């Protein structure tokens, strides 16, 4: 899937796909039974480099104990 965007800074129109997303994460808290992470996603204009889209979300993932 591709999405068409327009840079608010230089006016360049361009398309992006999943490969163009800049994805980063930070571990906010690590506990015995869970981890809380913040995932950030952004897209930069290929011409001027300004950030066109940005978003982040915090998620808590619960661990499941596995017997051996």
PDB file of N, CA and C in Angstrom:
ATOM      1  N   UNK A   1       0.846  -1.176   0.000  1.00  0.00           N
ATOM      2  CA  UNK A   1       0.000   0.000   0.000  1.00  0.00           C
ATOM      3  C   UNK A   1       0.887   1.233   0.000  1.00  0.00           C
ATOM      4  N   UNK A   2       0.553   2.205  -0.800  1.00  0.00           N
ATOM      5  CA  UNK A   2       1.264   3.481  -0.809  1.00  0.00           C
ATOM      6  C   UNK A   2       0.296   4.607  -0.477  1.00  0.00           C
ATOM      7  N   UNK A   3       0.837   5.653   0.113  1.00  0.00           N
ATOM      8  CA  UNK A   3       0.052   6.821   0.495  1.00  0.00           C
ATOM      9  C   UNK A   3       0.733   8.042  -0.113  1.00  0.00           C
ATOM     10  N   UNK A   4      -0.050   8.962  -0.644  1.00  0.00           N
ATOM     11  CA  UNK A   4       0.491  10.186  -1.232  1.00  0.00           C
ATOM     12  C   UNK A   4       0.424  11.307  -0.195  1.00  0.00           C
ATOM     13  N   UNK A   5       1.550  12.017  -0.041  1.00  0.00           N
ATOM     14  CA  UNK A   5       1.644  13.115   0.919  1.00  0.00           C
ATOM     15  C   UNK A   5       2.144  14.372   0.231  1.00  0.00           C
ATOM     16  N   UNK A   6       1.909  15.509   0.878  1.00  0.00           N
ATOM     17  CA  UNK A   6       2.445  16.783   0.402  1.00  0.00           C
ATOM     18  C   UNK A   6       3.144  17.461   1.575  1.00  0.00           C
ATOM     19  N   UNK A   7       4.387  17.879   1.352  1.00  0.00           N
ATOM     20  CA  UNK A   7       5.160  18.548   2.399  1.00  0.00           C
ATOM     21  C   UNK A   7       4.588  19.943   2.641  1.00  0.00           C
ATOM     22  N   UNK A   8       4.314  20.255   3.897  1.00  0.00           N
ATOM     23  CA  UNK A   8       3.779  21.573   4.254  1.00  0.00           C
ATOM     24  C   UNK A   8       4.853  22.656   4.182  1.00  0.00           C
ATOM     25  N   UNK A   9       6.119  22.253   4.120  1.00  0.00           N
ATOM     26  CA  UNK A   9       7.214  23.221   4.082  1.00  0.00           C
ATOM     27  C   UNK A   9       7.585  23.632   2.650  1.00  0.00           C
ATOM     28  N   UNK A  10       7.873  22.639   1.774  1.00  0.00           N
ATOM     29  CA  UNK A  10       8.357  22.963   0.426  1.00  0.00           C
ATOM     30  C   UNK A  10       7.344  22.656  -0.671  1.00  0.00           C
ATOM     31  N   UNK A  11       6.229  22.007  -0.323  1.00  0.00           N
ATOM     32  CA  UNK A  11       5.187  21.723  -1.301  1.00  0.00           C
ATOM     33  C   UNK A  11       5.403  20.486  -2.154  1.00  0.00           C
ATOM     34  N   UNK A  12       6.470  19.739  -1.914  1.00  0.00           N
ATOM     35  CA  UNK A  12       6.750  18.527  -2.683  1.00  0.00           C
ATOM     36  C   UNK A  12       5.695  17.469  -2.415  1.00  0.00           C
ATOM     37  N   UNK A  13       5.153  16.882  -3.473  1.00  0.00           N
ATOM     38  CA  UNK A  13       4.225  15.767  -3.350  1.00  0.00           C
ATOM     39  C   UNK A  13       5.010  14.491  -3.584  1.00  0.00           C
ATOM     40  N   UNK A  14       4.783  13.501  -2.719  1.00  0.00           N
ATOM     41  CA  UNK A  14       5.502  12.238  -2.826  1.00  0.00           C
ATOM     42  C   UNK A  14       4.671  11.109  -2.258  1.00  0.00           C
ATOM     43  N   UNK A  15       5.019   9.890  -2.636  1.00  0.00           N
ATOM     44  CA  UNK A  15       4.337   8.709  -2.127  1.00  0.00           C
ATOM     45  C   UNK A  15       5.245   7.992  -1.151  1.00  0.00           C
ATOM     46  N   UNK A  16       4.621   7.359  -0.147  1.00  0.00           N
ATOM     47  CA  UNK A  16       5.379   6.560   0.807  1.00  0.00           C
ATOM     48  C   UNK A  16       4.771   5.166   0.886  1.00  0.00           C
ATOM     49  N   UNK A  17       5.581   4.232   1.318  1.00  0.00           N
ATOM     50  CA  UNK A  17       5.111   2.879   1.614  1.00  0.00           C
ATOM     51  C   UNK A  17       5.645   2.512   3.001  1.00  0.00           C
ATOM     52  N   UNK A  18       5.425   1.297   3.431  1.00  0.00           N
ATOM     53  CA  UNK A  18       5.867   0.862   4.756  1.00  0.00           C
ATOM     54  C   UNK A  18       7.380   1.010   4.924  1.00  0.00           C
ATOM     55  N   UNK A  19       8.136   0.836   3.850  1.00  0.00           N
ATOM     56  CA  UNK A  19       9.591   0.920   3.920  1.00  0.00           C
ATOM     57  C   UNK A  19      10.090   2.343   4.196  1.00  0.00           C
ATOM     58  N   UNK A  20       9.266   3.359   3.968  1.00  0.00           N
ATOM     59  CA  UNK A  20       9.659   4.752   4.164  1.00  0.00           C
ATOM     60  C   UNK A  20       9.438   5.252   5.588  1.00  0.00           C
ATOM     61  N   UNK A  21       8.789   4.464   6.424  1.00  0.00           N
ATOM     62  CA  UNK A  21       8.504   4.873   7.796  1.00  0.00           C
ATOM     63  C   UNK A  21       9.754   4.777   8.652  1.00  0.00           C
ATOM     64  N   UNK A  22      10.002   5.803   9.455  1.00  0.00           N
ATOM     65  CA  UNK A  22      11.088   5.788  10.428  1.00  0.00           C
ATOM     66  C   UNK A  22      10.460   5.376  11.756  1.00  0.00           C
ATOM     67  N   UNK A  23      10.803   4.170  12.231  1.00  0.00           N
ATOM     68  CA  UNK A  23      10.189   3.610  13.439  1.00  0.00           C
ATOM     69  C   UNK A  23      11.253   3.511  14.529  1.00  0.00           C
ATOM     70  N   UNK A  24      10.913   4.015  15.716  1.00  0.00           N
ATOM     71  CA  UNK A  24      11.830   4.002  16.855  1.00  0.00           C
ATOM     72  C   UNK A  24      11.044   3.562  18.081  1.00  0.00           C
ATOM     73  N   UNK A  25      11.753   3.088  19.095  1.00  0.00           N
ATOM     74  CA  UNK A  25      11.075   2.697  20.330  1.00  0.00           C
ATOM     75  C   UNK A  25      11.946   3.027  21.534  1.00  0.00           C
ATOM     76  N   UNK A  26      11.298   3.203  22.673  1.00  0.00           N
ATOM     77  CA  UNK A  26      11.974   3.399  23.955  1.00  0.00           C
ATOM     78  C   UNK A  26      11.316   2.477  24.973  1.00  0.00           C
ATOM     79  N   UNK A  27      12.120   1.819  25.786  1.00  0.00           N
ATOM     80  CA  UNK A  27      11.596   1.012  26.883  1.00  0.00           C
ATOM     81  C   UNK A  27      11.378   1.953  28.059  1.00  0.00           C
ATOM     82  N   UNK A  28      10.131   2.111  28.468  1.00  0.00           N
ATOM     83  CA  UNK A  28       9.798   3.025  29.559  1.00  0.00           C
ATOM     84  C   UNK A  28       9.881   2.361  30.925  1.00  0.00           C
ATOM     85  N   UNK A  29       9.480   1.084  30.973  1.00  0.00           N
ATOM     86  CA  UNK A  29       9.471   0.378  32.255  1.00  0.00           C
ATOM     87  C   UNK A  29       9.565  -1.114  31.993  1.00  0.00           C
ATOM     88  N   UNK A  30      10.404  -1.788  32.748  1.00  0.00           N
ATOM     89  CA  UNK A  30      10.541  -3.232  32.664  1.00  0.00           C
ATOM     90  C   UNK A  30      10.256  -3.816  34.028  1.00  0.00           C
ATOM     91  N   UNK A  31       9.287  -4.715  34.072  1.00  0.00           N
ATOM     92  CA  UNK A  31       8.921  -5.364  35.330  1.00  0.00           C
ATOM     93  C   UNK A  31       8.962  -6.869  35.137  1.00  0.00           C
ATOM     94  N   UNK A  32       8.763  -7.596  36.229  1.00  0.00           N
ATOM     95  CA  UNK A  32       8.840  -9.059  36.190  1.00  0.00           C
ATOM     96  C   UNK A  32       7.822  -9.663  35.223  1.00  0.00           C
ATOM     97  N   UNK A  33       6.646  -9.062  35.139  1.00  0.00           N
ATOM     98  CA  UNK A  33       5.581  -9.649  34.319  1.00  0.00           C
ATOM     99  C   UNK A  33       5.163  -8.803  33.121  1.00  0.00           C
ATOM    100  N   UNK A  34       5.877  -7.674  32.871  1.00  0.00           N
ATOM    101  CA  UNK A  34       5.471  -6.820  31.747  1.00  0.00           C
ATOM    102  C   UNK A  34       6.592  -5.871  31.346  1.00  0.00           C
ATOM    103  N   UNK A  35       6.410  -5.269  30.176  1.00  0.00           N
ATOM    104  CA  UNK A  35       7.301  -4.216  29.700  1.00  0.00           C
ATOM    105  C   UNK A  35       6.423  -3.136  29.077  1.00  0.00           C
ATOM    106  N   UNK A  36       6.745  -1.890  29.360  1.00  0.00           N
ATOM    107  CA  UNK A  36       6.026  -0.767  28.755  1.00  0.00           C
ATOM    108  C   UNK A  36       6.973  -0.089  27.774  1.00  0.00           C
ATOM    109  N   UNK A  37       6.520   0.051  26.516  1.00  0.00           N
ATOM    110  CA  UNK A  37       7.345   0.674  25.489  1.00  0.00           C
ATOM    111  C   UNK A  37       6.569   1.795  24.814  1.00  0.00           C
ATOM    112  N   UNK A  38       7.298   2.758  24.292  1.00  0.00           N
ATOM    113  CA  UNK A  38       6.708   3.811  23.471  1.00  0.00           C
ATOM    114  C   UNK A  38       7.265   3.659  22.068  1.00  0.00           C
ATOM    115  N   UNK A  39       6.369   3.516  21.103  1.00  0.00           N
ATOM    116  CA  UNK A  39       6.749   3.369  19.703  1.00  0.00           C
ATOM    117  C   UNK A  39       6.454   4.688  19.001  1.00  0.00           C
ATOM    118  N   UNK A  40       7.451   5.217  18.270  1.00  0.00           N
ATOM    119  CA  UNK A  40       7.295   6.460  17.529  1.00  0.00           C
ATOM    120  C   UNK A  40       7.486   6.189  16.042  1.00  0.00           C
ATOM    121  N   UNK A  41       6.628   6.804  15.227  1.00  0.00           N
ATOM    122  CA  UNK A  41       6.694   6.644  13.777  1.00  0.00           C
ATOM    123  C   UNK A  41       6.699   8.031  13.153  1.00  0.00           C
ATOM    124  N   UNK A  42       7.594   8.245  12.175  1.00  0.00           N
ATOM    125  CA  UNK A  42       7.621   9.524  11.477  1.00  0.00           C
ATOM    126  C   UNK A  42       7.996   9.318  10.018  1.00  0.00           C
ATOM    127  N   UNK A  43       7.688  10.346   9.210  1.00  0.00           N
ATOM    128  CA  UNK A  43       8.029  10.361   7.786  1.00  0.00           C
ATOM    129  C   UNK A  43       8.601  11.739   7.491  1.00  0.00           C
ATOM    130  N   UNK A  44       9.731  11.771   6.774  1.00  0.00           N
ATOM    131  CA  UNK A  44      10.365  13.032   6.390  1.00  0.00           C
ATOM    132  C   UNK A  44      10.215  13.266   4.889  1.00  0.00           C
ATOM    133  N   UNK A  45      10.164  14.521   4.498  1.00  0.00           N
ATOM    134  CA  UNK A  45      10.097  14.898   3.097  1.00  0.00           C
ATOM    135  C   UNK A  45      11.416  14.508   2.423  1.00  0.00           C
ATOM    136  N   UNK A  46      11.352  13.847   1.257  1.00  0.00           N
ATOM    137  CA  UNK A  46      12.588  13.449   0.585  1.00  0.00           C
ATOM    138  C   UNK A  46      13.371  14.640   0.000  1.00  0.00           C
ATOM    139  N   UNK A  47      12.710  15.783  -0.153  1.00  0.00           N
ATOM    140  CA  UNK A  47      13.386  16.953  -0.739  1.00  0.00           C
ATOM    141  C   UNK A  47      14.041  17.837   0.319  1.00  0.00           C
ATOM    142  N   UNK A  48      13.268  18.282   1.305  1.00  0.00           N
ATOM    143  CA  UNK A  48      13.801  19.235   2.287  1.00  0.00           C
ATOM    144  C   UNK A  48      14.150  18.595   3.629  1.00  0.00           C
ATOM    145  N   UNK A  49      13.697  17.362   3.882  1.00  0.00           N
ATOM    146  CA  UNK A  49      14.039  16.671   5.121  1.00  0.00           C
ATOM    147  C   UNK A  49      13.166  16.995   6.314  1.00  0.00           C
ATOM    148  N   UNK A  50      12.196  17.882   6.147  1.00  0.00           N
ATOM    149  CA  UNK A  50      11.298  18.220   7.261  1.00  0.00           C
ATOM    150  C   UNK A  50      10.363  17.054   7.570  1.00  0.00           C
ATOM    151  N   UNK A  51       9.983  16.932   8.830  1.00  0.00           N
ATOM    152  CA  UNK A  51       9.060  15.881   9.250  1.00  0.00           C
ATOM    153  C   UNK A  51       7.662  16.222   8.757  1.00  0.00           C
ATOM    154  N   UNK A  52       7.043  15.291   8.016  1.00  0.00           N
ATOM    155  CA  UNK A  52       5.706  15.498   7.452  1.00  0.00           C
ATOM    156  C   UNK A  52       4.653  14.847   8.341  1.00  0.00           C
ATOM    157  N   UNK A  53       4.949  13.670   8.864  1.00  0.00           N
ATOM    158  CA  UNK A  53       4.040  12.949   9.760  1.00  0.00           C
ATOM    159  C   UNK A  53       4.809  12.496  10.988  1.00  0.00           C
ATOM    160  N   UNK A  54       4.122  12.480  12.136  1.00  0.00           N
ATOM    161  CA  UNK A  54       4.739  11.977  13.352  1.00  0.00           C
ATOM    162  C   UNK A  54       3.653  11.495  14.286  1.00  0.00           C
ATOM    163  N   UNK A  55       3.906  10.385  14.968  1.00  0.00           N
ATOM    164  CA  UNK A  55       2.972   9.874  15.958  1.00  0.00           C
ATOM    165  C   UNK A  55       3.678   8.933  16.909  1.00  0.00           C
ATOM    166  N   UNK A  56       3.110   8.758  18.098  1.00  0.00           N
ATOM    167  CA  UNK A  56       3.686   7.821  19.061  1.00  0.00           C
ATOM    168  C   UNK A  56       2.570   7.224  19.906  1.00  0.00           C
ATOM    169  N   UNK A  57       2.866   6.054  20.440  1.00  0.00           N
ATOM    170  CA  UNK A  57       1.891   5.344  21.268  1.00  0.00           C
ATOM    171  C   UNK A  57       2.651   4.538  22.310  1.00  0.00           C
ATOM    172  N   UNK A  58       2.155   4.545  23.551  1.00  0.00           N
ATOM    173  CA  UNK A  58       2.730   3.712  24.612  1.00  0.00           C
ATOM    174  C   UNK A  58       1.916   2.436  24.724  1.00  0.00           C
ATOM    175  N   UNK A  59       2.628   1.328  24.870  1.00  0.00           N
ATOM    176  CA  UNK A  59       1.989   0.019  24.925  1.00  0.00           C
ATOM    177  C   UNK A  59       2.595  -0.778  26.075  1.00  0.00           C
ATOM    178  N   UNK A  60       1.749  -1.478  26.815  1.00  0.00           N
ATOM    179  CA  UNK A  60       2.215  -2.398  27.839  1.00  0.00           C
ATOM    180  C   UNK A  60       2.005  -3.814  27.333  1.00  0.00           C
ATOM    181  N   UNK A  61       3.076  -4.589  27.355  1.00  0.00           N
ATOM    182  CA  UNK A  61       3.017  -5.979  26.907  1.00  0.00           C
ATOM    183  C   UNK A  61       3.215  -6.868  28.122  1.00  0.00           C
ATOM    184  N   UNK A  62       2.245  -7.739  28.360  1.00  0.00           N
ATOM    185  CA  UNK A  62       2.312  -8.666  29.490  1.00  0.00           C
ATOM    186  C   UNK A  62       3.072  -9.917  29.070  1.00  0.00           C
ATOM    187  N   UNK A  63       3.969 -10.380  29.941  1.00  0.00           N
ATOM    188  CA  UNK A  63       4.707 -11.610  29.687  1.00  0.00           C
ATOM    189  C   UNK A  63       3.899 -12.804  30.145  1.00  0.00           C
ATOM    190  N   UNK A  64       4.077 -13.937  29.469  1.00  0.00           N
ATOM    191  CA  UNK A  64       3.472 -15.192  29.882  1.00  0.00           C
ATOM    192  C   UNK A  64       4.599 -16.131  30.275  1.00  0.00           C
ATOM    193  N   UNK A  65       4.484 -16.725  31.462  1.00  0.00           N
ATOM    194  CA  UNK A  65       5.515 -17.657  31.933  1.00  0.00           C
ATOM    195  C   UNK A  65       5.406 -18.947  31.130  1.00  0.00           C
ATOM    196  N   UNK A  66       6.558 -19.474  30.746  1.00  0.00           N
ATOM    197  CA  UNK A  66       6.598 -20.720  29.989  1.00  0.00           C
ATOM    198  C   UNK A  66       7.326 -21.762  30.818  1.00  0.00           C
ATOM    199  N   UNK A  67       6.673 -22.876  31.026  1.00  0.00           N
ATOM    200  CA  UNK A  67       7.295 -23.972  31.757  1.00  0.00           C
ATOM    201  C   UNK A  67       8.213 -24.767  30.848  1.00  0.00           C
ATOM    202  N   UNK A  68       9.271 -25.316  31.435  1.00  0.00           N
ATOM    203  CA  UNK A  68      10.216 -26.062  30.614  1.00  0.00           C
ATOM    204  C   UNK A  68      10.158 -27.535  30.917  1.00  0.00           C
TER     205      UNK A  68
END
